[in-house]
N, C-alpha and C. Protein backbone atom coordinates (compact mmCIF):
# COMPACT_ATOMS: atom_id res chain seq x y z
N UNK A 1 111.26 120.79 104.76
CA UNK A 1 109.89 119.85 104.64
C UNK A 1 109.74 118.69 105.67
N UNK A 2 108.73 118.46 106.26
CA UNK A 2 108.65 117.27 107.26
C UNK A 2 108.16 116.11 106.43
N UNK A 3 108.67 114.96 106.64
CA UNK A 3 108.20 113.82 105.91
C UNK A 3 106.95 113.18 106.44
N UNK A 4 106.64 113.36 107.93
CA UNK A 4 105.41 112.70 108.30
C UNK A 4 104.77 114.08 109.03
N UNK A 5 103.24 113.56 108.86
CA UNK A 5 102.28 114.47 109.72
C UNK A 5 102.87 114.00 111.19
N UNK A 6 102.07 114.61 111.88
CA UNK A 6 102.23 114.30 113.70
C UNK A 6 100.96 113.47 113.75
N UNK A 7 100.82 112.39 113.58
CA UNK A 7 99.86 111.39 114.00
C UNK A 7 99.14 111.34 115.51
N UNK A 8 98.08 111.30 115.43
CA UNK A 8 97.46 111.11 116.93
C UNK A 8 97.64 109.66 117.47
N UNK A 9 97.65 108.52 116.38
CA UNK A 9 97.82 107.13 116.66
C UNK A 9 98.69 106.84 115.65
N UNK A 10 99.55 105.69 116.28
CA UNK A 10 100.42 104.46 115.61
C UNK A 10 100.12 103.59 115.51
N UNK A 11 99.77 102.72 114.53
CA UNK A 11 99.31 101.32 114.54
C UNK A 11 100.24 100.34 114.14
N UNK A 12 100.66 99.15 114.67
CA UNK A 12 101.61 98.38 113.89
C UNK A 12 100.62 97.19 113.97
N UNK A 13 101.03 96.83 112.46
CA UNK A 13 100.06 95.51 112.11
C UNK A 13 100.82 94.34 112.51
N UNK A 14 100.58 93.44 113.58
CA UNK A 14 101.53 92.52 113.80
C UNK A 14 101.73 91.40 112.84
N UNK A 15 100.86 90.90 112.00
CA UNK A 15 101.32 89.88 111.25
C UNK A 15 102.21 90.59 110.19
N UNK A 16 102.62 89.59 109.15
CA UNK A 16 103.58 89.93 108.49
C UNK A 16 102.70 90.05 106.76
N UNK A 17 103.16 90.88 106.11
CA UNK A 17 102.50 91.44 104.65
C UNK A 17 103.34 91.23 103.61
N UNK A 18 102.82 90.63 102.56
CA UNK A 18 103.09 90.47 101.18
C UNK A 18 103.46 91.78 100.87
N UNK A 19 104.92 92.24 100.43
CA UNK A 19 105.37 93.37 99.88
C UNK A 19 105.14 93.78 98.72
N UNK A 20 104.43 92.84 97.70
CA UNK A 20 103.99 93.39 96.66
C UNK A 20 103.22 93.97 96.38
N UNK A 21 102.26 94.13 97.75
CA UNK A 21 101.23 95.13 98.04
C UNK A 21 101.58 96.47 98.01
N UNK A 22 100.69 97.37 97.19
CA UNK A 22 101.19 98.82 97.21
C UNK A 22 100.07 99.58 98.25
N UNK A 23 99.79 100.76 98.42
CA UNK A 23 99.11 101.68 99.27
C UNK A 23 97.88 101.11 99.01
N UNK A 24 97.06 100.79 97.94
CA UNK A 24 95.73 100.28 98.10
C UNK A 24 95.74 98.89 98.97
N UNK A 25 96.57 98.07 98.35
CA UNK A 25 96.49 96.89 99.07
C UNK A 25 96.51 96.73 100.53
N UNK A 26 97.32 97.71 101.12
CA UNK A 26 97.62 97.94 102.53
C UNK A 26 96.25 98.60 102.91
N UNK A 27 95.51 99.85 102.13
CA UNK A 27 94.55 100.12 102.82
C UNK A 27 93.63 99.29 102.95
N UNK A 28 93.15 98.06 102.14
CA UNK A 28 92.12 97.21 102.50
C UNK A 28 92.49 96.38 103.67
N UNK A 29 93.90 96.32 103.90
CA UNK A 29 94.04 95.52 105.23
C UNK A 29 93.80 96.49 106.56
N UNK A 30 94.03 97.75 106.25
CA UNK A 30 93.84 98.63 107.62
C UNK A 30 92.26 98.56 107.79
N UNK A 31 91.49 98.49 106.64
CA UNK A 31 90.01 98.93 107.02
C UNK A 31 89.49 97.35 107.37
N UNK A 32 90.04 96.21 106.68
CA UNK A 32 89.00 95.03 106.94
C UNK A 32 89.69 93.95 108.11
N UNK A 33 91.04 94.02 108.28
CA UNK A 33 91.60 93.33 109.11
C UNK A 33 91.87 93.76 110.37
N UNK A 34 92.23 95.22 110.59
CA UNK A 34 92.43 95.99 111.39
C UNK A 34 91.02 96.81 111.85
N UNK A 35 90.27 96.90 111.11
CA UNK A 35 88.96 97.39 111.30
C UNK A 35 88.90 98.79 111.64
N UNK A 36 90.08 99.54 111.27
CA UNK A 36 90.34 100.89 111.27
C UNK A 36 90.17 101.80 110.10
N UNK A 37 90.21 103.13 110.03
CA UNK A 37 89.96 104.02 108.90
C UNK A 37 91.13 104.62 108.93
N UNK A 38 91.70 104.43 107.22
CA UNK A 38 92.93 104.92 106.73
C UNK A 38 92.92 106.18 107.04
N UNK A 39 91.67 107.06 106.97
CA UNK A 39 91.49 108.29 106.87
C UNK A 39 91.80 108.74 108.18
N UNK A 40 91.66 108.34 109.27
CA UNK A 40 92.27 108.71 110.58
C UNK A 40 93.40 109.50 110.80
N UNK A 41 93.87 110.24 111.44
CA UNK A 41 95.07 110.91 111.90
C UNK A 41 96.04 109.91 112.49
N UNK A 42 96.57 109.07 111.64
CA UNK A 42 97.36 107.90 112.18
C UNK A 42 98.04 107.56 111.08
N UNK A 43 99.24 107.05 111.53
CA UNK A 43 100.29 106.01 110.74
C UNK A 43 99.81 104.55 110.84
N UNK A 44 100.13 103.70 109.77
CA UNK A 44 100.03 102.19 110.14
C UNK A 44 101.18 101.58 109.29
N UNK A 45 101.92 100.99 110.23
CA UNK A 45 103.16 100.22 110.13
C UNK A 45 103.08 98.69 109.49
N UNK A 46 103.81 98.11 108.33
CA UNK A 46 103.53 97.04 108.10
C UNK A 46 105.14 96.37 107.85
N UNK A 47 105.08 95.02 108.13
CA UNK A 47 106.21 94.43 107.67
C UNK A 47 106.32 93.30 106.93
N UNK A 48 107.41 92.95 106.09
CA UNK A 48 107.25 91.49 105.25
C UNK A 48 107.83 90.77 106.18
N UNK A 49 107.49 89.29 105.64
CA UNK A 49 107.94 88.01 106.34
C UNK A 49 109.40 87.91 106.87
N UNK A 50 110.71 88.50 105.80
CA UNK A 50 111.81 88.38 106.18
C UNK A 50 112.52 89.47 107.18
N UNK A 51 111.39 90.37 107.58
CA UNK A 51 111.36 91.29 108.57
C UNK A 51 112.80 92.21 108.37
N UNK A 52 113.17 92.54 107.26
CA UNK A 52 114.03 93.50 106.54
C UNK A 52 113.55 94.44 105.98
N UNK A 53 112.25 94.68 105.77
CA UNK A 53 111.38 95.81 105.10
C UNK A 53 110.20 96.33 105.92
N UNK A 54 110.14 97.67 105.81
CA UNK A 54 109.07 98.34 106.51
C UNK A 54 108.07 99.16 105.64
N UNK A 55 106.99 99.30 105.57
CA UNK A 55 106.16 100.38 105.15
C UNK A 55 105.13 101.08 106.07
N UNK A 56 105.42 102.23 105.87
CA UNK A 56 104.37 103.34 106.99
C UNK A 56 103.28 104.05 106.06
N UNK A 57 102.18 103.74 106.07
CA UNK A 57 101.17 104.47 105.39
C UNK A 57 100.30 105.46 106.17
N UNK A 58 100.07 106.66 105.60
CA UNK A 58 99.48 107.61 106.21
C UNK A 58 98.78 108.73 105.32
N UNK A 59 97.55 109.07 105.76
CA UNK A 59 96.68 110.16 104.98
C UNK A 59 96.94 111.37 105.46
N UNK A 60 97.70 112.34 104.54
CA UNK A 60 97.82 113.62 104.98
C UNK A 60 97.19 114.66 104.75
N UNK A 61 95.92 114.26 104.43
CA UNK A 61 94.72 115.12 104.28
C UNK A 61 94.56 115.68 102.52
N UNK A 62 95.47 115.53 101.88
CA UNK A 62 95.23 115.73 100.35
C UNK A 62 95.63 114.12 99.57
N UNK A 63 95.91 113.32 100.47
CA UNK A 63 95.83 111.85 99.68
C UNK A 63 96.97 110.94 100.69
N UNK A 64 97.07 109.65 100.20
CA UNK A 64 97.90 108.89 101.13
C UNK A 64 99.30 108.82 100.42
N UNK A 65 100.17 108.73 101.61
CA UNK A 65 101.71 108.63 101.55
C UNK A 65 102.28 107.46 101.95
N UNK A 66 103.48 106.85 101.35
CA UNK A 66 103.84 105.72 101.98
C UNK A 66 105.34 105.75 102.10
N UNK A 67 105.91 105.39 103.11
CA UNK A 67 107.35 105.61 103.55
C UNK A 67 107.61 104.01 103.43
N UNK A 68 108.96 103.80 102.89
CA UNK A 68 109.49 102.30 103.33
C UNK A 68 110.90 102.55 103.47
N UNK A 69 111.27 101.68 104.41
CA UNK A 69 112.69 101.23 104.61
C UNK A 69 113.15 100.11 104.85
N UNK A 70 114.21 99.70 104.06
CA UNK A 70 114.82 98.57 103.66
C UNK A 70 116.19 98.41 104.56
N UNK A 71 116.38 97.56 105.38
CA UNK A 71 117.63 97.40 105.83
C UNK A 71 118.39 96.40 104.97
N UNK A 72 119.86 96.74 105.10
CA UNK A 72 120.40 95.90 104.12
C UNK A 72 121.32 95.10 104.72
N UNK A 73 121.23 94.97 105.96
CA UNK A 73 121.57 93.82 107.30
C UNK A 73 121.00 93.97 108.38
N UNK A 74 120.52 92.69 108.99
CA UNK A 74 119.78 92.68 110.28
C UNK A 74 118.46 92.76 110.33
N UNK A 75 117.63 92.67 111.05
CA UNK A 75 116.08 92.44 110.57
C UNK A 75 115.49 93.59 111.88
N UNK A 76 114.18 93.89 111.58
CA UNK A 76 113.66 94.56 112.59
C UNK A 76 113.03 93.62 113.77
N UNK A 77 112.93 94.16 115.05
CA UNK A 77 112.51 93.30 115.99
C UNK A 77 111.01 93.57 116.18
N UNK A 78 110.39 92.58 115.44
CA UNK A 78 108.93 92.61 115.55
C UNK A 78 108.38 91.60 116.26
N UNK A 79 107.14 92.56 116.96
CA UNK A 79 106.50 91.51 118.02
C UNK A 79 105.77 90.39 117.75
N UNK A 80 105.88 89.24 118.54
CA UNK A 80 105.22 88.08 117.88
C UNK A 80 103.83 88.02 119.04
N UNK A 81 102.76 88.53 118.44
CA UNK A 81 101.60 88.79 119.26
C UNK A 81 100.39 88.21 118.64
N UNK A 82 100.33 86.64 118.20
CA UNK A 82 99.31 86.09 117.62
C UNK A 82 97.67 86.30 117.59
N UNK A 83 97.51 86.88 119.23
CA UNK A 83 96.43 87.00 119.52
C UNK A 83 95.68 88.57 119.35
N UNK A 84 96.51 89.34 118.29
CA UNK A 84 96.08 90.60 118.13
C UNK A 84 96.72 90.82 116.76
N UNK A 85 95.71 91.59 116.12
CA UNK A 85 95.94 91.95 114.65
C UNK A 85 96.65 93.15 114.42
N UNK A 86 96.60 94.29 115.49
CA UNK A 86 97.57 95.13 115.70
C UNK A 86 98.07 95.98 117.20
N UNK A 87 98.89 96.64 117.24
CA UNK A 87 99.41 97.13 118.29
C UNK A 87 99.70 98.78 118.49
N UNK A 88 99.07 99.14 119.32
CA UNK A 88 99.16 100.79 119.29
C UNK A 88 100.72 101.23 120.19
N UNK A 89 101.47 101.95 119.20
CA UNK A 89 102.90 102.56 119.76
C UNK A 89 102.63 103.93 119.91
N UNK A 90 103.65 104.27 120.94
CA UNK A 90 103.62 105.70 121.10
C UNK A 90 104.92 106.21 119.97
N UNK A 91 105.36 107.56 119.76
CA UNK A 91 106.24 107.85 119.20
C UNK A 91 107.61 107.41 119.87
N UNK A 92 107.74 107.11 120.81
CA UNK A 92 109.38 106.71 121.29
C UNK A 92 109.39 105.19 120.92
N UNK A 93 108.02 104.26 120.76
CA UNK A 93 108.26 103.06 120.38
C UNK A 93 108.47 102.79 119.08
N UNK A 94 108.26 104.02 118.02
CA UNK A 94 108.38 103.83 116.76
C UNK A 94 109.79 104.13 116.35
N UNK A 95 110.24 105.18 117.40
CA UNK A 95 111.70 105.74 117.08
C UNK A 95 112.44 104.19 117.58
N UNK A 96 112.35 103.37 118.61
CA UNK A 96 112.87 102.06 119.02
C UNK A 96 112.83 101.31 117.73
N UNK A 97 111.65 101.04 117.37
CA UNK A 97 111.69 100.15 116.25
C UNK A 97 112.45 100.48 115.02
N UNK A 98 112.41 101.94 114.64
CA UNK A 98 113.13 102.17 113.37
C UNK A 98 114.52 101.99 113.59
N UNK A 99 114.91 101.98 115.01
CA UNK A 99 116.28 102.01 115.50
C UNK A 99 116.91 100.48 115.87
N UNK A 100 116.02 99.61 115.59
CA UNK A 100 116.38 98.29 115.73
C UNK A 100 116.31 97.44 117.06
N UNK A 101 115.33 98.26 117.75
CA UNK A 101 114.94 97.89 119.53
C UNK A 101 113.79 97.24 119.48
N UNK A 102 113.54 96.38 120.51
CA UNK A 102 112.41 95.55 120.94
C UNK A 102 111.23 96.92 121.39
N UNK A 103 110.38 96.64 120.40
CA UNK A 103 109.28 97.89 120.95
C UNK A 103 108.22 97.39 121.94
N UNK A 104 108.34 96.05 122.51
CA UNK A 104 107.50 95.40 123.45
C UNK A 104 108.20 95.19 124.90
N UNK A 105 109.34 94.97 124.73
CA UNK A 105 110.11 95.11 126.14
C UNK A 105 109.76 93.63 126.87
N UNK A 106 109.95 93.85 128.25
CA UNK A 106 109.45 92.90 129.18
C UNK A 106 107.94 92.92 129.36
N UNK A 107 107.20 91.75 129.77
CA UNK A 107 105.70 91.83 129.76
C UNK A 107 105.79 92.27 131.41
N UNK A 108 104.57 92.79 131.66
CA UNK A 108 104.34 93.29 132.97
C UNK A 108 103.74 91.70 133.67
N UNK A 109 104.46 91.68 134.87
CA UNK A 109 103.98 90.40 135.77
C UNK A 109 102.90 91.21 136.98
N UNK A 110 102.09 90.30 137.30
CA UNK A 110 100.99 90.43 138.09
C UNK A 110 100.98 89.62 139.37
N UNK A 111 101.36 89.69 140.50
CA UNK A 111 101.30 88.58 141.70
C UNK A 111 100.44 89.24 142.77
N UNK A 112 99.59 88.45 143.52
CA UNK A 112 98.97 88.81 144.61
C UNK A 112 99.74 88.43 146.02
N UNK A 113 100.80 87.81 145.79
CA UNK A 113 101.40 87.16 146.97
C UNK A 113 102.68 86.87 146.57
N UNK A 114 103.63 87.09 147.75
CA UNK A 114 105.19 86.70 147.52
C UNK A 114 105.18 85.28 147.85
N UNK A 115 104.19 84.53 147.95
CA UNK A 115 104.48 82.92 148.04
C UNK A 115 105.33 82.53 148.79
N UNK A 116 105.50 83.10 149.97
CA UNK A 116 106.54 82.80 151.04
C UNK A 116 105.84 81.87 152.02
């Protein structure tokens, strides 16, 4: 049995979430803050302030499902993007996140001259 559906999109909520929220509370964030439909073929990833817990919510065509991961040691490498409410991830970036790696990596630099 597969744990996840194969999503077309994976969205990471960049802010931290009060983990007392259950599925319904997270659905409100998806609709109101992210301005996305929770019924889309997508996964939505949330993290707590201590960065040691993740919740992933998705619609599986019959109801909402939620997957939770709690780290016993260490923290998730959560992106610090204050100007964005969410970030779109690839499946590889999701794997990196769950494995403890930084999903953003280095920022792209754009130069017009060598400055010599």
